[in-house]
């Protein structure tokens, strides 16, 4: 009888040890699955730390990191993307049922992501519809978009748009501040022209929304920080 109890105890110990090692890896894969719906990412770009590993089963992670270089998030390519969260809470049962992990809260964390001038230009040229011979230039934190548009299906007019990237709620937007269409000496305000939604962070698995956008020397940088203290 004593040997049976010893074997059972050893079996339980082996199982618990295995879970202690495997649980963080499973959490990392679940987070990768969640992130892969929103961005181009590989499992190697996701790291999860939990001590002990079994604390994953309670829905807590000590630290989560996701990031790397040359990502596409939505329709915009990022030069770099780096997000680190600490004290992450998630629903383990919902994650198991859905096959992906989504953070519900974090004690603290930081997001830094950058987009190059070339990728910003390519994004704007592809998303601003109906404009020909488009030129995109940068002046401080302002982006100028100039080109030709057709008015009424036959008249070619000059479009001149100046705007900035900014957060509007949970959405990263390109917001025109001055937009006009000119033809035959007539200038018409077109402030709604080229208003673009870049990315909606509402369902982003890392529970992080950028709160600061800067554009310096053609490099767009997004900063985000969370703190529940």
Protein backbone atom coordinates (compact mmCIF):
# COMPACT_ATOMS: atom_id res chain seq x y z
CA UNK A 1 0.00 0.00 0.00
CA UNK A 2 2.85 2.36 0.93
CA UNK A 3 4.50 1.84 -2.45
CA UNK A 4 1.25 2.66 -4.23
CA UNK A 5 1.00 5.95 -2.33
CA UNK A 6 4.61 6.72 -3.15
CA UNK A 7 4.06 6.02 -6.85
CA UNK A 8 0.90 8.14 -6.82
CA UNK A 9 2.71 11.00 -5.09
CA UNK A 10 5.55 10.80 -7.59
CA UNK A 11 3.10 10.78 -10.49
CA UNK A 12 1.34 13.86 -9.11
CA UNK A 13 4.69 15.60 -8.58
CA UNK A 14 5.74 14.86 -12.16
CA UNK A 15 2.40 16.17 -13.50
CA UNK A 16 2.65 19.35 -11.42
CA UNK A 17 6.25 19.88 -12.53
CA UNK A 18 5.23 19.42 -16.14
CA UNK A 19 2.36 21.89 -15.77
CA UNK A 20 4.67 24.35 -14.05
CA UNK A 21 6.92 24.30 -17.12
CA UNK A 22 4.24 24.00 -19.80
CA UNK A 23 1.67 26.51 -18.53
CA UNK A 24 3.68 29.67 -19.37
CA UNK A 25 4.48 28.27 -22.80
CA UNK A 26 0.80 27.55 -23.44
CA UNK A 27 -0.07 31.08 -22.28
CA UNK A 28 2.52 32.53 -24.67
CA UNK A 29 1.06 30.52 -27.55
CA UNK A 30 -2.46 31.62 -26.61
CA UNK A 31 -1.33 35.25 -26.61
CA UNK A 32 0.36 34.74 -29.97
CA UNK A 33 -2.92 33.34 -31.33
CA UNK A 34 -4.75 36.43 -30.12
CA UNK A 35 -2.18 38.85 -31.50
CA UNK A 36 -1.92 37.08 -34.86
CA UNK A 37 -5.50 38.16 -35.61
CA UNK A 38 -4.40 41.77 -35.43
CA UNK A 39 -0.79 41.83 -36.60
CA UNK A 40 1.87 39.87 -38.45
CA UNK A 41 3.71 38.13 -35.64
CA UNK A 42 5.43 34.82 -34.91
CA UNK A 43 5.47 32.77 -31.69
CA UNK A 44 9.12 33.82 -31.17
CA UNK A 45 7.95 37.44 -30.80
CA UNK A 46 5.90 36.65 -27.68
CA UNK A 47 7.30 36.01 -24.20
CA UNK A 48 5.36 35.13 -21.03
CA UNK A 49 6.83 34.92 -17.53
CA UNK A 50 4.96 33.39 -14.57
CA UNK A 51 6.42 32.26 -11.26
CA UNK A 52 5.39 29.70 -10.32
CA UNK A 53 4.27 28.53 -13.74
CA UNK A 54 1.09 27.10 -12.22
CA UNK A 55 -0.08 30.66 -11.44
CA UNK A 56 -1.11 30.78 -15.12
CA UNK A 57 -4.00 28.49 -14.19
CA UNK A 58 -5.31 31.21 -11.84
CA UNK A 59 -5.34 33.79 -14.63
CA UNK A 60 -2.24 35.74 -13.63
CA UNK A 61 1.00 36.40 -15.52
CA UNK A 62 3.99 38.20 -14.02
CA UNK A 63 5.21 39.68 -17.27
CA UNK A 64 4.23 39.67 -20.94
CA UNK A 65 6.31 40.99 -23.82
CA UNK A 66 5.42 41.17 -27.49
CA UNK A 67 7.47 42.92 -30.11
CA UNK A 68 10.05 42.99 -32.82
CA UNK A 69 10.89 44.73 -36.07
CA UNK A 70 8.98 45.14 -39.33
CA UNK A 71 5.38 44.34 -38.32
CA UNK A 72 2.16 44.99 -40.17
CA UNK A 73 -0.63 46.04 -37.82
CA UNK A 74 -3.87 46.46 -39.71
CA UNK A 75 -3.01 48.29 -42.95
CA UNK A 76 0.08 50.04 -41.59
CA UNK A 77 3.59 48.61 -41.47
CA UNK A 78 5.50 49.36 -38.27
CA UNK A 79 9.26 49.71 -38.25
CA UNK A 80 9.29 48.49 -34.64
CA UNK A 81 6.75 47.39 -32.07
CA UNK A 82 7.47 46.78 -28.40
CA UNK A 83 4.88 46.19 -25.67
CA UNK A 84 5.58 45.01 -22.11
CA UNK A 85 2.96 44.42 -19.42
CA UNK A 86 3.38 43.39 -15.79
CA UNK A 87 0.84 41.90 -13.42
CA UNK A 88 -1.47 40.75 -16.21
CA UNK A 89 -4.89 39.30 -15.47
CA UNK A 90 -6.89 37.18 -17.91
CA UNK A 91 -9.74 34.67 -17.90
CA UNK A 92 -8.13 31.19 -18.15
CA UNK A 93 -11.39 29.37 -18.89
CA UNK A 94 -12.42 31.79 -21.66
CA UNK A 95 -8.89 31.62 -23.09
CA UNK A 96 -9.01 27.81 -23.10
CA UNK A 97 -12.42 27.77 -24.79
CA UNK A 98 -11.44 30.38 -27.40
CA UNK A 99 -7.93 29.07 -28.04
CA UNK A 100 -6.37 32.51 -27.53
CA UNK A 101 -5.41 34.70 -24.60
CA UNK A 102 -6.56 38.29 -24.18
CA UNK A 103 -5.41 40.45 -21.28
CA UNK A 104 -8.23 41.93 -19.20
CA UNK A 105 -6.06 44.21 -17.07
CA UNK A 106 -2.47 44.93 -16.12
CA UNK A 107 -0.84 46.56 -13.12
CA UNK A 108 1.51 48.50 -15.37
CA UNK A 109 2.87 48.43 -18.87
CA UNK A 110 4.31 50.38 -21.76
CA UNK A 111 3.93 50.40 -25.54
CA UNK A 112 6.37 52.01 -27.99
CA UNK A 113 5.92 51.59 -31.73
CA UNK A 114 7.43 53.42 -34.70
CA UNK A 115 6.49 53.87 -38.36
CA UNK A 116 8.95 55.12 -40.96
CA UNK A 117 8.35 58.04 -43.31
CA UNK A 118 8.29 55.74 -46.35
CA UNK A 119 5.67 53.46 -44.81
CA UNK A 120 3.54 56.46 -43.80
CA UNK A 121 3.70 57.77 -47.37
CA UNK A 122 2.78 54.38 -48.84
CA UNK A 123 -0.15 54.03 -46.43
CA UNK A 124 -1.58 57.46 -47.27
CA UNK A 125 -1.17 56.98 -51.02
CA UNK A 126 -3.02 53.66 -50.90
CA UNK A 127 -5.83 54.83 -48.62
CA UNK A 128 -6.65 58.25 -50.10
CA UNK A 129 -8.97 57.25 -52.93
CA UNK A 130 -9.55 59.09 -56.20
CA UNK A 131 -6.35 61.12 -56.09
CA UNK A 132 -3.76 61.06 -58.88
CA UNK A 133 -0.14 62.22 -59.06
CA UNK A 134 -0.06 62.22 -55.28
CA UNK A 135 2.86 63.70 -53.38
CA UNK A 136 3.32 63.24 -49.63
CA UNK A 137 5.71 65.48 -47.70
CA UNK A 138 6.52 66.10 -44.03
CA UNK A 139 6.87 69.42 -42.21
CA UNK A 140 7.52 68.91 -38.51
CA UNK A 141 4.53 67.00 -37.15
CA UNK A 142 2.34 67.93 -40.13
CA UNK A 143 1.86 65.79 -43.21
CA UNK A 144 1.04 67.44 -46.55
CA UNK A 145 -0.77 65.49 -49.25
CA UNK A 146 -1.06 67.07 -52.70
CA UNK A 147 -2.47 65.64 -55.90
CA UNK A 148 -5.11 65.78 -58.60
CA UNK A 149 -8.75 64.76 -58.09
CA UNK A 150 -11.71 64.59 -60.44
CA UNK A 151 -14.70 66.76 -59.57
CA UNK A 152 -18.04 65.83 -61.04
CA UNK A 153 -16.43 63.01 -62.98
CA UNK A 154 -14.72 65.23 -65.55
CA UNK A 155 -13.03 68.31 -64.01
CA UNK A 156 -9.50 67.81 -62.70
CA UNK A 157 -8.78 69.84 -59.59
CA UNK A 158 -5.84 70.35 -57.25
CA UNK A 159 -6.18 68.75 -53.82
CA UNK A 160 -4.11 70.14 -50.95
CA UNK A 161 -4.42 68.41 -47.56
CA UNK A 162 -2.52 69.07 -44.36
CA UNK A 163 -3.11 66.83 -41.38
CA UNK A 164 -1.73 64.88 -38.44
CA UNK A 165 -1.87 61.38 -37.00
CA UNK A 166 -3.69 61.36 -33.65
CA UNK A 167 -5.75 59.15 -31.36
CA UNK A 168 -9.51 59.59 -31.47
CA UNK A 169 -10.83 57.46 -28.63
CA UNK A 170 -9.31 54.01 -29.20
CA UNK A 171 -8.62 54.68 -32.88
CA UNK A 172 -5.41 55.81 -34.53
CA UNK A 173 -6.53 58.32 -37.17
CA UNK A 174 -5.13 60.58 -39.89
CA UNK A 175 -7.05 63.81 -39.29
CA UNK A 176 -6.94 66.63 -41.90
CA UNK A 177 -6.59 70.07 -40.35
CA UNK A 178 -6.69 72.00 -43.61
CA UNK A 179 -8.01 70.43 -46.79
CA UNK A 180 -9.06 72.19 -49.97
CA UNK A 181 -9.85 71.48 -53.62
CA UNK A 182 -9.04 74.17 -56.15
CA UNK A 183 -10.10 74.38 -59.81
CA UNK A 184 -10.33 77.35 -62.21
CA UNK A 185 -9.57 79.80 -59.42
CA UNK A 186 -12.26 78.43 -57.09
CA UNK A 187 -11.15 76.98 -53.75
CA UNK A 188 -13.53 74.71 -51.82
CA UNK A 189 -13.03 73.53 -48.26
CA UNK A 190 -12.91 69.73 -48.07
CA UNK A 191 -12.12 69.07 -44.42
CA UNK A 192 -13.60 65.55 -44.54
CA UNK A 193 -11.35 64.56 -47.42
CA UNK A 194 -8.67 62.01 -46.48
CA UNK A 195 -9.97 61.44 -42.95
CA UNK A 196 -8.57 57.96 -42.39
CA UNK A 197 -8.96 55.32 -39.70
CA UNK A 198 -5.59 53.62 -39.40
CA UNK A 199 -6.23 51.10 -36.61
CA UNK A 200 -8.81 50.46 -33.88
CA UNK A 201 -7.16 49.33 -30.63
CA UNK A 202 -10.49 48.50 -28.93
CA UNK A 203 -10.03 44.72 -29.15
CA UNK A 204 -6.24 44.69 -29.04
CA UNK A 205 -5.29 41.60 -26.94
CA UNK A 206 -2.63 43.40 -24.88
CA UNK A 207 -5.14 45.77 -23.25
CA UNK A 208 -3.09 48.77 -24.40
CA UNK A 209 -4.13 51.93 -26.24
CA UNK A 210 -1.57 54.57 -27.34
CA UNK A 211 -2.06 57.89 -25.56
CA UNK A 212 0.67 59.94 -27.23
CA UNK A 213 1.57 60.33 -30.91
CA UNK A 214 4.68 62.17 -32.11
CA UNK A 215 6.04 62.77 -35.61
CA UNK A 216 9.66 63.88 -35.74
CA UNK A 217 11.89 63.84 -38.81
CA UNK A 218 9.37 61.65 -40.61
CA UNK A 219 9.30 59.00 -37.87
CA UNK A 220 5.89 58.40 -36.31
CA UNK A 221 6.12 57.14 -32.71
CA UNK A 222 3.23 55.81 -30.65
CA UNK A 223 3.51 55.73 -26.86
CA UNK A 224 1.13 53.95 -24.52
CA UNK A 225 1.19 53.34 -20.80
CA UNK A 226 -1.16 51.63 -18.38
CA UNK A 227 -1.21 51.82 -14.60
CA UNK A 228 -3.97 50.73 -12.27
CA UNK A 229 -2.32 52.19 -9.18
